[in-house]
Amino acid sequence: MKLNEVEAGKPLPEIVVRVVSVAPSRIVTTRSGRKTQLREVLVADETGTVILSLWGFGEVQGVSAGKIIKIIDGWAKEWQGKIQLSLGRSGRIEELDDDDLLPPLTELGIQHGTTDRH
């Protein structure tokens, strides 16, 4: 699966992406009034870019710019008119070896870090 095939409201069984950038963690208040940590990660493949939202206070290893990650059992949603990815309850991230699974950031057409897909 590629990022341009992701649809809001649908499960994301598995997708391989390259991390473009990782925003600093911030504390947010959920709709239910609970405070939690949110990290937004811009990820890309040959078809575009999208934000991966990482929720909770657990530290996700292997998420840094340039790394290739596999998102397993994720979820896609629409937020403020844009597709976003999240892990949900059973989702996880695996770091993969960078053996040309995806082109480097410069070849993905990433300029100044953002070209969010709608």
PDB file of N, CA and C in Angstrom:
ATOM      1  N   MET A   1       0.846  -1.180   0.000  1.00  0.00           N
ATOM      2  CA  MET A   1       0.000   0.000   0.000  1.00  0.00           C
ATOM      3  C   MET A   1       0.888   1.239   0.000  1.00  0.00           C
ATOM      4  N   LYS A   2       0.431   2.275  -0.704  1.00  0.00           N
ATOM      5  CA  LYS A   2       1.124   3.555  -0.771  1.00  0.00           C
ATOM      6  C   LYS A   2       0.248   4.632  -0.139  1.00  0.00           C
ATOM      7  N   LEU A   3       0.852   5.770   0.217  1.00  0.00           N
ATOM      8  CA  LEU A   3       0.116   6.838   0.892  1.00  0.00           C
ATOM      9  C   LEU A   3      -1.052   7.362   0.065  1.00  0.00           C
ATOM     10  N   ASN A   4      -0.943   7.388  -1.257  1.00  0.00           N
ATOM     11  CA  ASN A   4      -2.043   7.892  -2.074  1.00  0.00           C
ATOM     12  C   ASN A   4      -3.227   6.928  -2.124  1.00  0.00           C
ATOM     13  N   GLU A   5      -3.085   5.730  -1.571  1.00  0.00           N
ATOM     14  CA  GLU A   5      -4.172   4.748  -1.513  1.00  0.00           C
ATOM     15  C   GLU A   5      -4.891   4.761  -0.160  1.00  0.00           C
ATOM     16  N   VAL A   6      -4.360   5.504   0.802  1.00  0.00           N
ATOM     17  CA  VAL A   6      -4.933   5.550   2.147  1.00  0.00           C
ATOM     18  C   VAL A   6      -6.241   6.332   2.112  1.00  0.00           C
ATOM     19  N   GLU A   7      -7.277   5.773   2.762  1.00  0.00           N
ATOM     20  CA  GLU A   7      -8.581   6.425   2.830  1.00  0.00           C
ATOM     21  C   GLU A   7      -8.977   6.653   4.279  1.00  0.00           C
ATOM     22  N   ALA A   8      -9.527   7.842   4.557  1.00  0.00           N
ATOM     23  CA  ALA A   8      -9.981   8.170   5.908  1.00  0.00           C
ATOM     24  C   ALA A   8     -11.053   7.189   6.346  1.00  0.00           C
ATOM     25  N   GLY A   9     -10.997   6.798   7.617  1.00  0.00           N
ATOM     26  CA  GLY A   9     -11.980   5.891   8.182  1.00  0.00           C
ATOM     27  C   GLY A   9     -11.717   4.428   7.896  1.00  0.00           C
ATOM     28  N   LYS A  10     -10.566   4.138   7.319  1.00  0.00           N
ATOM     29  CA  LYS A  10     -10.236   2.754   6.961  1.00  0.00           C
ATOM     30  C   LYS A  10      -9.011   2.281   7.736  1.00  0.00           C
ATOM     31  N   PRO A  11      -8.973   0.986   8.045  1.00  0.00           N
ATOM     32  CA  PRO A  11      -7.782   0.443   8.696  1.00  0.00           C
ATOM     33  C   PRO A  11      -6.594   0.477   7.745  1.00  0.00           C
ATOM     34  N   LEU A  12      -5.424   0.447   8.318  1.00  0.00           N
ATOM     35  CA  LEU A  12      -4.175   0.500   7.575  1.00  0.00           C
ATOM     36  C   LEU A  12      -3.362  -0.724   7.986  1.00  0.00           C
ATOM     37  N   PRO A  13      -3.573  -1.860   7.304  1.00  0.00           N
ATOM     38  CA  PRO A  13      -2.918  -3.097   7.745  1.00  0.00           C
ATOM     39  C   PRO A  13      -1.399  -2.987   7.807  1.00  0.00           C
ATOM     40  N   GLU A  14      -0.798  -2.367   6.766  1.00  0.00           N
ATOM     41  CA  GLU A  14       0.660  -2.244   6.736  1.00  0.00           C
ATOM     42  C   GLU A  14       1.046  -1.237   5.665  1.00  0.00           C
ATOM     43  N   ILE A  15       1.978  -0.359   6.013  1.00  0.00           N
ATOM     44  CA  ILE A  15       2.505   0.603   5.040  1.00  0.00           C
ATOM     45  C   ILE A  15       3.938   0.936   5.429  1.00  0.00           C
ATOM     46  N   VAL A  16       4.795   1.092   4.422  1.00  0.00           N
ATOM     47  CA  VAL A  16       6.197   1.435   4.637  1.00  0.00           C
ATOM     48  C   VAL A  16       6.401   2.868   4.168  1.00  0.00           C
ATOM     49  N   VAL A  17       6.978   3.694   5.046  1.00  0.00           N
ATOM     50  CA  VAL A  17       7.181   5.118   4.770  1.00  0.00           C
ATOM     51  C   VAL A  17       8.541   5.565   5.293  1.00  0.00           C
ATOM     52  N   ARG A  18       8.983   6.722   4.789  1.00  0.00           N
ATOM     53  CA  ARG A  18      10.211   7.324   5.297  1.00  0.00           C
ATOM     54  C   ARG A  18       9.830   8.507   6.185  1.00  0.00           C
ATOM     55  N   VAL A  19      10.491   8.621   7.333  1.00  0.00           N
ATOM     56  CA  VAL A  19      10.249   9.731   8.250  1.00  0.00           C
ATOM     57  C   VAL A  19      10.929  10.976   7.683  1.00  0.00           C
ATOM     58  N   VAL A  20      10.141  12.038   7.500  1.00  0.00           N
ATOM     59  CA  VAL A  20      10.666  13.309   7.004  1.00  0.00           C
ATOM     60  C   VAL A  20      11.107  14.177   8.172  1.00  0.00           C
ATOM     61  N   SER A  21      10.219  14.317   9.164  1.00  0.00           N
ATOM     62  CA  SER A  21      10.542  15.131  10.337  1.00  0.00           C
ATOM     63  C   SER A  21       9.685  14.691  11.513  1.00  0.00           C
ATOM     64  N   VAL A  22      10.176  14.980  12.708  1.00  0.00           N
ATOM     65  CA  VAL A  22       9.459  14.657  13.939  1.00  0.00           C
ATOM     66  C   VAL A  22       9.300  15.949  14.733  1.00  0.00           C
ATOM     67  N   ALA A  23       8.044  16.351  14.950  1.00  0.00           N
ATOM     68  CA  ALA A  23       7.774  17.564  15.731  1.00  0.00           C
ATOM     69  C   ALA A  23       8.026  17.277  17.209  1.00  0.00           C
ATOM     70  N   PRO A  24       8.362  18.286  17.981  1.00  0.00           N
ATOM     71  CA  PRO A  24       8.529  18.078  19.425  1.00  0.00           C
ATOM     72  C   PRO A  24       7.210  17.588  20.044  1.00  0.00           C
ATOM     73  N   SER A  25       7.343  16.756  21.072  1.00  0.00           N
ATOM     74  CA  SER A  25       6.160  16.287  21.807  1.00  0.00           C
ATOM     75  C   SER A  25       5.464  17.459  22.462  1.00  0.00           C
ATOM     76  N   ARG A  26       4.149  17.341  22.567  1.00  0.00           N
ATOM     77  CA  ARG A  26       3.406  18.357  23.310  1.00  0.00           C
ATOM     78  C   ARG A  26       2.283  17.672  24.073  1.00  0.00           C
ATOM     79  N   ILE A  27       1.854  18.320  25.147  1.00  0.00           N
ATOM     80  CA  ILE A  27       0.760  17.805  25.966  1.00  0.00           C
ATOM     81  C   ILE A  27      -0.540  18.415  25.441  1.00  0.00           C
ATOM     82  N   VAL A  28      -1.522  17.557  25.185  1.00  0.00           N
ATOM     83  CA  VAL A  28      -2.822  18.016  24.694  1.00  0.00           C
ATOM     84  C   VAL A  28      -3.913  17.462  25.586  1.00  0.00           C
ATOM     85  N   THR A  29      -5.064  18.107  25.563  1.00  0.00           N
ATOM     86  CA  THR A  29      -6.232  17.634  26.294  1.00  0.00           C
ATOM     87  C   THR A  29      -7.186  17.011  25.288  1.00  0.00           C
ATOM     88  N   THR A  30      -7.564  15.753  25.530  1.00  0.00           N
ATOM     89  CA  THR A  30      -8.462  15.051  24.623  1.00  0.00           C
ATOM     90  C   THR A  30      -9.887  15.562  24.780  1.00  0.00           C
ATOM     91  N   ARG A  31     -10.768  15.131  23.881  1.00  0.00           N
ATOM     92  CA  ARG A  31     -12.174  15.527  23.969  1.00  0.00           C
ATOM     93  C   ARG A  31     -12.801  15.109  25.290  1.00  0.00           C
ATOM     94  N   SER A  32     -12.290  14.019  25.855  1.00  0.00           N
ATOM     95  CA  SER A  32     -12.838  13.539  27.127  1.00  0.00           C
ATOM     96  C   SER A  32     -12.253  14.279  28.333  1.00  0.00           C
ATOM     97  N   GLY A  33     -11.319  15.219  28.088  1.00  0.00           N
ATOM     98  CA  GLY A  33     -10.749  16.007  29.170  1.00  0.00           C
ATOM     99  C   GLY A  33      -9.467  15.451  29.747  1.00  0.00           C
ATOM    100  N   ARG A  34      -8.994  14.337  29.234  1.00  0.00           N
ATOM    101  CA  ARG A  34      -7.773  13.710  29.728  1.00  0.00           C
ATOM    102  C   ARG A  34      -6.552  14.317  29.027  1.00  0.00           C
ATOM    103  N   LYS A  35      -5.459  14.471  29.760  1.00  0.00           N
ATOM    104  CA  LYS A  35      -4.224  14.998  29.176  1.00  0.00           C
ATOM    105  C   LYS A  35      -3.360  13.836  28.692  1.00  0.00           C
ATOM    106  N   THR A  36      -2.767  14.027  27.514  1.00  0.00           N
ATOM    107  CA  THR A  36      -1.887  13.013  26.958  1.00  0.00           C
ATOM    108  C   THR A  36      -0.822  13.687  26.109  1.00  0.00           C
ATOM    109  N   GLN A  37       0.150  12.916  25.708  1.00  0.00           N
ATOM    110  CA  GLN A  37       1.234  13.438  24.880  1.00  0.00           C
ATOM    111  C   GLN A  37       0.936  13.155  23.415  1.00  0.00           C
ATOM    112  N   LEU A  38       1.290  14.092  22.547  1.00  0.00           N
ATOM    113  CA  LEU A  38       1.120  13.934  21.105  1.00  0.00           C
ATOM    114  C   LEU A  38       2.427  14.302  20.427  1.00  0.00           C
ATOM    115  N   ARG A  39       2.868  13.408  19.529  1.00  0.00           N
ATOM    116  CA  ARG A  39       4.009  13.707  18.654  1.00  0.00           C
ATOM    117  C   ARG A  39       3.522  13.546  17.231  1.00  0.00           C
ATOM    118  N   GLU A  40       3.753  14.561  16.417  1.00  0.00           N
ATOM    119  CA  GLU A  40       3.364  14.482  15.017  1.00  0.00           C
ATOM    120  C   GLU A  40       4.610  14.250  14.172  1.00  0.00           C
ATOM    121  N   VAL A  41       4.517  13.215  13.319  1.00  0.00           N
ATOM    122  CA  VAL A  41       5.639  12.787  12.502  1.00  0.00           C
ATOM    123  C   VAL A  41       5.220  12.917  11.045  1.00  0.00           C
ATOM    124  N   LEU A  42       5.954  13.684  10.261  1.00  0.00           N
ATOM    125  CA  LEU A  42       5.688  13.784   8.833  1.00  0.00           C
ATOM    126  C   LEU A  42       6.372  12.610   8.157  1.00  0.00           C
ATOM    127  N   VAL A  43       5.601  11.801   7.429  1.00  0.00           N
ATOM    128  CA  VAL A  43       6.137  10.632   6.734  1.00  0.00           C
ATOM    129  C   VAL A  43       5.838  10.758   5.248  1.00  0.00           C
ATOM    130  N   ALA A  44       6.630  10.046   4.426  1.00  0.00           N
ATOM    131  CA  ALA A  44       6.479  10.159   2.976  1.00  0.00           C
ATOM    132  C   ALA A  44       6.785   8.838   2.287  1.00  0.00           C
ATOM    133  N   ASP A  45       6.231   8.703   1.090  1.00  0.00           N
ATOM    134  CA  ASP A  45       6.669   7.692   0.136  1.00  0.00           C
ATOM    135  C   ASP A  45       6.655   8.368  -1.233  1.00  0.00           C
ATOM    136  N   GLU A  46       6.763   7.592  -2.287  1.00  0.00           N
ATOM    137  CA  GLU A  46       6.840   8.169  -3.637  1.00  0.00           C
ATOM    138  C   GLU A  46       5.568   8.910  -4.036  1.00  0.00           C
ATOM    139  N   THR A  47       4.476   8.692  -3.309  1.00  0.00           N
ATOM    140  CA  THR A  47       3.179   9.238  -3.721  1.00  0.00           C
ATOM    141  C   THR A  47       2.732  10.460  -2.922  1.00  0.00           C
ATOM    142  N   GLY A  48       3.459  10.832  -1.865  1.00  0.00           N
ATOM    143  CA  GLY A  48       3.063  12.003  -1.100  1.00  0.00           C
ATOM    144  C   GLY A  48       3.530  11.956   0.338  1.00  0.00           C
ATOM    145  N   THR A  49       3.009  12.894   1.130  1.00  0.00           N
ATOM    146  CA  THR A  49       3.342  12.983   2.544  1.00  0.00           C
ATOM    147  C   THR A  49       2.064  13.024   3.363  1.00  0.00           C
ATOM    148  N   VAL A  50       2.195  12.619   4.610  1.00  0.00           N
ATOM    149  CA  VAL A  50       1.060  12.636   5.529  1.00  0.00           C
ATOM    150  C   VAL A  50       1.604  12.685   6.955  1.00  0.00           C
ATOM    151  N   ILE A  51       0.787  13.145   7.887  1.00  0.00           N
ATOM    152  CA  ILE A  51       1.166  13.199   9.299  1.00  0.00           C
ATOM    153  C   ILE A  51       0.783  11.884   9.981  1.00  0.00           C
ATOM    154  N   LEU A  52       1.708  11.341  10.740  1.00  0.00           N
ATOM    155  CA  LEU A  52       1.470  10.208  11.625  1.00  0.00           C
ATOM    156  C   LEU A  52       1.392  10.768  13.032  1.00  0.00           C
ATOM    157  N   SER A  53       0.242  10.626  13.682  1.00  0.00           N
ATOM    158  CA  SER A  53       0.049  11.115  15.054  1.00  0.00           C
ATOM    159  C   SER A  53       0.353   9.994  16.028  1.00  0.00           C
ATOM    160  N   LEU A  54       1.311  10.234  16.920  1.00  0.00           N
ATOM    161  CA  LEU A  54       1.680   9.250  17.942  1.00  0.00           C
ATOM    162  C   LEU A  54       1.178   9.759  19.285  1.00  0.00           C
ATOM    163  N   TRP A  55       0.250   9.019  19.872  1.00  0.00           N
ATOM    164  CA  TRP A  55      -0.423   9.425  21.110  1.00  0.00           C
ATOM    165  C   TRP A  55       0.102   8.646  22.299  1.00  0.00           C
ATOM    166  N   GLY A  56       0.151   9.299  23.445  1.00  0.00           N
ATOM    167  CA  GLY A  56       0.499   8.626  24.690  1.00  0.00           C
ATOM    168  C   GLY A  56       1.892   8.983  25.158  1.00  0.00           C
ATOM    169  N   PHE A  57       2.191   8.541  26.371  1.00  0.00           N
ATOM    170  CA  PHE A  57       3.454   8.903  26.993  1.00  0.00           C
ATOM    171  C   PHE A  57       4.559   7.895  26.733  1.00  0.00           C
ATOM    172  N   GLY A  58       4.252   6.768  26.097  1.00  0.00           N
ATOM    173  CA  GLY A  58       5.282   5.785  25.765  1.00  0.00           C
ATOM    174  C   GLY A  58       6.190   6.317  24.678  1.00  0.00           C
ATOM    175  N   GLU A  59       7.441   6.014  24.761  1.00  0.00           N
ATOM    176  CA  GLU A  59       8.412   6.487  23.774  1.00  0.00           C
ATOM    177  C   GLU A  59       8.478   5.483  22.630  1.00  0.00           C
ATOM    178  N   VAL A  60       8.254   5.934  21.414  1.00  0.00           N
ATOM    179  CA  VAL A  60       8.342   5.065  20.244  1.00  0.00           C
ATOM    180  C   VAL A  60       9.763   5.159  19.706  1.00  0.00           C
ATOM    181  N   GLN A  61      10.437   4.028  19.661  1.00  0.00           N
ATOM    182  CA  GLN A  61      11.828   4.007  19.223  1.00  0.00           C
ATOM    183  C   GLN A  61      11.910   3.992  17.699  1.00  0.00           C
ATOM    184  N   GLY A  62      13.007   4.493  17.183  1.00  0.00           N
ATOM    185  CA  GLY A  62      13.274   4.408  15.762  1.00  0.00           C
ATOM    186  C   GLY A  62      12.588   5.467  14.920  1.00  0.00           C
ATOM    187  N   VAL A  63      11.959   6.437  15.554  1.00  0.00           N
ATOM    188  CA  VAL A  63      11.251   7.461  14.798  1.00  0.00           C
ATOM    189  C   VAL A  63      12.109   8.722  14.769  1.00  0.00           C
ATOM    190  N   SER A  64      12.915   8.836  13.716  1.00  0.00           N
ATOM    191  CA  SER A  64      13.720  10.034  13.527  1.00  0.00           C
ATOM    192  C   SER A  64      13.862  10.275  12.028  1.00  0.00           C
ATOM    193  N   ALA A  65      14.127  11.515  11.663  1.00  0.00           N
ATOM    194  CA  ALA A  65      14.174  11.918  10.256  1.00  0.00           C
ATOM    195  C   ALA A  65      15.115  11.029   9.450  1.00  0.00           C
ATOM    196  N   GLY A  66      14.645  10.616   8.282  1.00  0.00           N
ATOM    197  CA  GLY A  66      15.431   9.799   7.374  1.00  0.00           C
ATOM    198  C   GLY A  66      15.208   8.306   7.521  1.00  0.00           C
ATOM    199  N   LYS A  67      14.703   7.861   8.672  1.00  0.00           N
ATOM    200  CA  LYS A  67      14.493   6.429   8.919  1.00  0.00           C
ATOM    201  C   LYS A  67      13.330   5.894   8.086  1.00  0.00           C
ATOM    202  N   ILE A  68      13.388   4.615   7.770  1.00  0.00           N
ATOM    203  CA  ILE A  68      12.265   3.937   7.127  1.00  0.00           C
ATOM    204  C   ILE A  68      11.558   3.134   8.200  1.00  0.00           C
ATOM    205  N   ILE A  69      10.232   3.314   8.277  1.00  0.00           N
ATOM    206  CA  ILE A  69       9.439   2.587   9.267  1.00  0.00           C
ATOM    207  C   ILE A  69       8.280   1.873   8.583  1.00  0.00           C
ATOM    208  N   LYS A  70       7.858   0.790   9.205  1.00  0.00           N
ATOM    209  CA  LYS A  70       6.661   0.075   8.777  1.00  0.00           C
ATOM    210  C   LYS A  70       5.602   0.301   9.850  1.00  0.00           C
ATOM    211  N   ILE A  71       4.443   0.813   9.431  1.00  0.00           N
ATOM    212  CA  ILE A  71       3.309   0.994  10.335  1.00  0.00           C
ATOM    213  C   ILE A  71       2.422  -0.228  10.160  1.00  0.00           C
ATOM    214  N   ILE A  72       2.152  -0.917  11.256  1.00  0.00           N
ATOM    215  CA  ILE A  72       1.360  -2.155  11.227  1.00  0.00           C
ATOM    216  C   ILE A  72       0.109  -1.953  12.069  1.00  0.00           C
ATOM    217  N   ASP A  73      -1.034  -2.349  11.535  1.00  0.00           N
ATOM    218  CA  ASP A  73      -2.329  -2.220  12.219  1.00  0.00           C
ATOM    219  C   ASP A  73      -2.622  -0.778  12.606  1.00  0.00           C
ATOM    220  N   GLY A  74      -2.367   0.128  11.675  1.00  0.00           N
ATOM    221  CA  GLY A  74      -2.662   1.533  11.901  1.00  0.00           C
ATOM    222  C   GLY A  74      -4.079   1.885  11.485  1.00  0.00           C
ATOM    223  N   TRP A  75      -4.360   3.161  11.496  1.00  0.00           N
ATOM    224  CA  TRP A  75      -5.683   3.659  11.165  1.00  0.00           C
ATOM    225  C   TRP A  75      -5.532   4.992  10.456  1.00  0.00           C
ATOM    226  N   ALA A  76      -6.411   5.268   9.507  1.00  0.00           N
ATOM    227  CA  ALA A  76      -6.403   6.557   8.812  1.00  0.00           C
ATOM    228  C   ALA A  76      -7.667   7.315   9.181  1.00  0.00           C
ATOM    229  N   LYS A  77      -7.512   8.614   9.394  1.00  0.00           N
ATOM    230  CA  LYS A  77      -8.661   9.463   9.708  1.00  0.00           C
ATOM    231  C   LYS A  77      -8.472  10.791   8.989  1.00  0.00           C
ATOM    232  N   GLU A  78      -9.522  11.578   8.980  1.00  0.00           N
ATOM    233  CA  GLU A  78      -9.415  12.919   8.422  1.00  0.00           C
ATOM    234  C   GLU A  78      -9.479  13.902   9.573  1.00  0.00           C
ATOM    235  N   TRP A  79      -8.542  14.841   9.582  1.00  0.00           N
ATOM    236  CA  TRP A  79      -8.505  15.872  10.616  1.00  0.00           C
ATOM    237  C   TRP A  79      -8.237  17.196   9.925  1.00  0.00           C
ATOM    238  N   GLN A  80      -9.141  18.139  10.096  1.00  0.00           N
ATOM    239  CA  GLN A  80      -9.030  19.464   9.502  1.00  0.00           C
ATOM    240  C   GLN A  80      -8.784  19.378   7.992  1.00  0.00           C
ATOM    241  N   GLY A  81      -9.513  18.458   7.351  1.00  0.00           N
ATOM    242  CA  GLY A  81      -9.471  18.332   5.904  1.00  0.00           C
ATOM    243  C   GLY A  81      -8.293  17.563   5.330  1.00  0.00           C
ATOM    244  N   LYS A  82      -7.459  16.974   6.198  1.00  0.00           N
ATOM    245  CA  LYS A  82      -6.294  16.228   5.725  1.00  0.00           C
ATOM    246  C   LYS A  82      -6.294  14.823   6.311  1.00  0.00           C
ATOM    247  N   ILE A  83      -5.781  13.881   5.536  1.00  0.00           N
ATOM    248  CA  ILE A  83      -5.615  12.515   6.024  1.00  0.00           C
ATOM    249  C   ILE A  83      -4.496  12.499   7.059  1.00  0.00           C
ATOM    250  N   GLN A  84      -4.723  11.786   8.175  1.00  0.00           N
ATOM    251  CA  GLN A  84      -3.691  11.552   9.176  1.00  0.00           C
ATOM    252  C   GLN A  84      -3.686  10.073   9.522  1.00  0.00           C
ATOM    253  N   LEU A  85      -2.536   9.585   9.895  1.00  0.00           N
ATOM    254  CA  LEU A  85      -2.379   8.196  10.320  1.00  0.00           C
ATOM    255  C   LEU A  85      -2.192   8.152  11.827  1.00  0.00           C
ATOM    256  N   SER A  86      -2.638   7.056  12.437  1.00  0.00           N
ATOM    257  CA  SER A  86      -2.373   6.821  13.853  1.00  0.00           C
ATOM    258  C   SER A  86      -2.237   5.319  14.052  1.00  0.00           C
ATOM    259  N   LEU A  87      -1.779   4.938  15.238  1.00  0.00           N
ATOM    260  CA  LEU A  87      -1.563   3.524  15.518  1.00  0.00           C
ATOM    261  C   LEU A  87      -2.778   2.840  16.113  1.00  0.00           C
ATOM    262  N   GLY A  88      -3.646   3.577  16.767  1.00  0.00           N
ATOM    263  CA  GLY A  88      -4.767   2.916  17.429  1.00  0.00           C
ATOM    264  C   GLY A  88      -4.279   2.059  18.578  1.00  0.00           C
ATOM    265  N   ARG A  89      -5.149   1.182  19.049  1.00  0.00           N
ATOM    266  CA  ARG A  89      -4.810   0.369  20.234  1.00  0.00           C
ATOM    267  C   ARG A  89      -3.813  -0.746  19.948  1.00  0.00           C
ATOM    268  N   SER A  90      -3.931  -1.402  18.802  1.00  0.00           N
ATOM    269  CA  SER A  90      -3.077  -2.565  18.536  1.00  0.00           C
ATOM    270  C   SER A  90      -1.949  -2.263  17.559  1.00  0.00           C
ATOM    271  N   GLY A  91      -1.869  -1.027  17.050  1.00  0.00           N
ATOM    272  CA  GLY A  91      -0.865  -0.696  16.054  1.00  0.00           C
ATOM    273  C   GLY A  91       0.536  -0.622  16.625  1.00  0.00           C
ATOM    274  N   ARG A  92       1.492  -0.753  15.730  1.00  0.00           N
ATOM    275  CA  ARG A  92       2.892  -0.659  16.143  1.00  0.00           C
ATOM    276  C   ARG A  92       3.748  -0.176  14.974  1.00  0.00           C
ATOM    277  N   ILE A  93       4.953   0.221  15.298  1.00  0.00           N
ATOM    278  CA  ILE A  93       5.920   0.693  14.317  1.00  0.00           C
ATOM    279  C   ILE A  93       7.154  -0.181  14.408  1.00  0.00           C
ATOM    280  N   GLU A  94       7.686  -0.560  13.245  1.00  0.00           N
ATOM    281  CA  GLU A  94       8.956  -1.270  13.185  1.00  0.00           C
ATOM    282  C   GLU A  94       9.914  -0.468  12.327  1.00  0.00           C
ATOM    283  N   GLU A  95      11.139  -0.304  12.802  1.00  0.00           N
ATOM    284  CA  GLU A  95      12.164   0.343  11.985  1.00  0.00           C
ATOM    285  C   GLU A  95      12.731  -0.693  11.027  1.00  0.00           C
ATOM    286  N   LEU A  96      12.879  -0.318   9.760  1.00  0.00           N
ATOM    287  CA  LEU A  96      13.414  -1.219   8.743  1.00  0.00           C
ATOM    288  C   LEU A  96      14.802  -0.760   8.318  1.00  0.00           C
ATOM    289  N   ASP A  97      15.598  -1.697   7.826  1.00  0.00           N
ATOM    290  CA  ASP A  97      16.902  -1.338   7.273  1.00  0.00           C
ATOM    291  C   ASP A  97      16.682  -0.480   6.037  1.00  0.00           C
ATOM    292  N   ASP A  98      17.540   0.500   5.853  1.00  0.00           N
ATOM    293  CA  ASP A  98      17.434   1.402   4.718  1.00  0.00           C
ATOM    294  C   ASP A  98      18.168   0.792   3.527  1.00  0.00           C
ATOM    295  N   ASP A  99      17.533  -0.207   2.919  1.00  0.00           N
ATOM    296  CA  ASP A  99      18.157  -0.879   1.785  1.00  0.00           C
ATOM    297  C   ASP A  99      17.385  -0.587   0.498  1.00  0.00           C
ATOM    298  N   ASP A 100      17.190   0.687   0.235  1.00  0.00           N
ATOM    299  CA  ASP A 100      16.538   1.169  -0.978  1.00  0.00           C
ATOM    300  C   ASP A 100      15.069   0.765  -1.097  1.00  0.00           C
ATOM    301  N   LEU A 101      14.399   0.512   0.049  1.00  0.00           N
ATOM    302  CA  LEU A 101      12.956   0.276   0.021  1.00  0.00           C
ATOM    303  C   LEU A 101      12.222   1.512  -0.487  1.00  0.00           C
ATOM    304  N   LEU A 102      12.736   2.673  -0.078  1.00  0.00           N
ATOM    305  CA  LEU A 102      12.177   3.953  -0.501  1.00  0.00           C
ATOM    306  C   LEU A 102      13.319   4.870  -0.917  1.00  0.00           C
ATOM    307  N   PRO A 103      13.063   5.772  -1.844  1.00  0.00           N
ATOM    308  CA  PRO A 103      14.105   6.734  -2.215  1.00  0.00           C
ATOM    309  C   PRO A 103      14.466   7.628  -1.030  1.00  0.00           C
ATOM    310  N   PRO A 104      15.664   8.237  -1.051  1.00  0.00           N
ATOM    311  CA  PRO A 104      16.012   9.192  -0.001  1.00  0.00           C
ATOM    312  C   PRO A 104      15.095  10.405  -0.064  1.00  0.00           C
ATOM    313  N   LEU A 105      15.088  11.190   1.006  1.00  0.00           N
ATOM    314  CA  LEU A 105      14.200  12.356   1.087  1.00  0.00           C
ATOM    315  C   LEU A 105      14.358  13.286  -0.108  1.00  0.00           C
ATOM    316  N   THR A 106      15.587  13.485  -0.549  1.00  0.00           N
ATOM    317  CA  THR A 106      15.806  14.399  -1.673  1.00  0.00           C
ATOM    318  C   THR A 106      15.127  13.910  -2.945  1.00  0.00           C
ATOM    319  N   GLU A 107      15.047  12.600  -3.127  1.00  0.00           N
ATOM    320  CA  GLU A 107      14.400  12.049  -4.321  1.00  0.00           C
ATOM    321  C   GLU A 107      12.889  11.924  -4.170  1.00  0.00           C
ATOM    322  N   LEU A 108      12.388  12.034  -2.944  1.00  0.00           N
ATOM    323  CA  LEU A 108      10.946  11.989  -2.729  1.00  0.00           C
ATOM    324  C   LEU A 108      10.299  13.342  -3.023  1.00  0.00           C
ATOM    325  N   GLY A 109      11.105  14.336  -3.389  1.00  0.00           N
ATOM    326  CA  GLY A 109      10.555  15.651  -3.713  1.00  0.00           C
ATOM    327  C   GLY A 109      10.201  16.463  -2.483  1.00  0.00           C
ATOM    328  N   ILE A 110      10.809  16.137  -1.355  1.00  0.00           N
ATOM    329  CA  ILE A 110      10.529  16.870  -0.130  1.00  0.00           C
ATOM    330  C   ILE A 110      11.349  18.144  -0.138  1.00  0.00           C
ATOM    331  N   GLN A 111      10.662  19.267  -0.142  1.00  0.00           N
ATOM    332  CA  GLN A 111      11.329  20.555  -0.117  1.00  0.00           C
ATOM    333  C   GLN A 111      10.843  21.320   1.109  1.00  0.00           C
ATOM    334  N   HIS A 112      11.772  21.719   1.935  1.00  0.00           N
ATOM    335  CA  HIS A 112      11.476  22.482   3.157  1.00  0.00           C
ATOM    336  C   HIS A 112      10.532  21.734   4.078  1.00  0.00           C
ATOM    337  N   GLY A 113      10.472  20.394   3.960  1.00  0.00           N
ATOM    338  CA  GLY A 113       9.793  19.578   4.957  1.00  0.00           C
ATOM    339  C   GLY A 113       8.310  19.386   4.866  1.00  0.00           C
ATOM    340  N   THR A 114       7.558  20.115   4.025  1.00  0.00           N
ATOM    341  CA  THR A 114       6.128  19.891   4.012  1.00  0.00           C
ATOM    342  C   THR A 114       5.507  20.004   2.638  1.00  0.00           C
ATOM    343  N   THR A 115       4.748  18.992   2.304  1.00  0.00           N
ATOM    344  CA  THR A 115       3.855  18.996   1.144  1.00  0.00           C
ATOM    345  C   THR A 115       2.714  18.061   1.500  1.00  0.00           C
ATOM    346  N   ASP A 116       1.973  18.392   2.562  1.00  0.00           N
ATOM    347  CA  ASP A 116       0.945  17.513   3.091  1.00  0.00           C
ATOM    348  C   ASP A 116      -0.084  17.135   2.032  1.00  0.00           C
ATOM    349  N   ARG A 117      -0.448  15.866   2.043  1.00  0.00           N
ATOM    350  CA  ARG A 117      -1.479  15.340   1.154  1.00  0.00           C
ATOM    351  C   ARG A 117      -2.845  15.614   1.754  1.00  0.00           C
ATOM    352  N   HIS A 118      -3.821  15.930   0.960  1.00  0.00           N
ATOM    353  CA  HIS A 118      -5.173  16.199   1.448  1.00  0.00           C
ATOM    354  C   HIS A 118      -6.024  14.992   1.265  1.00  0.00           C
TER     355      HIS A 118
END
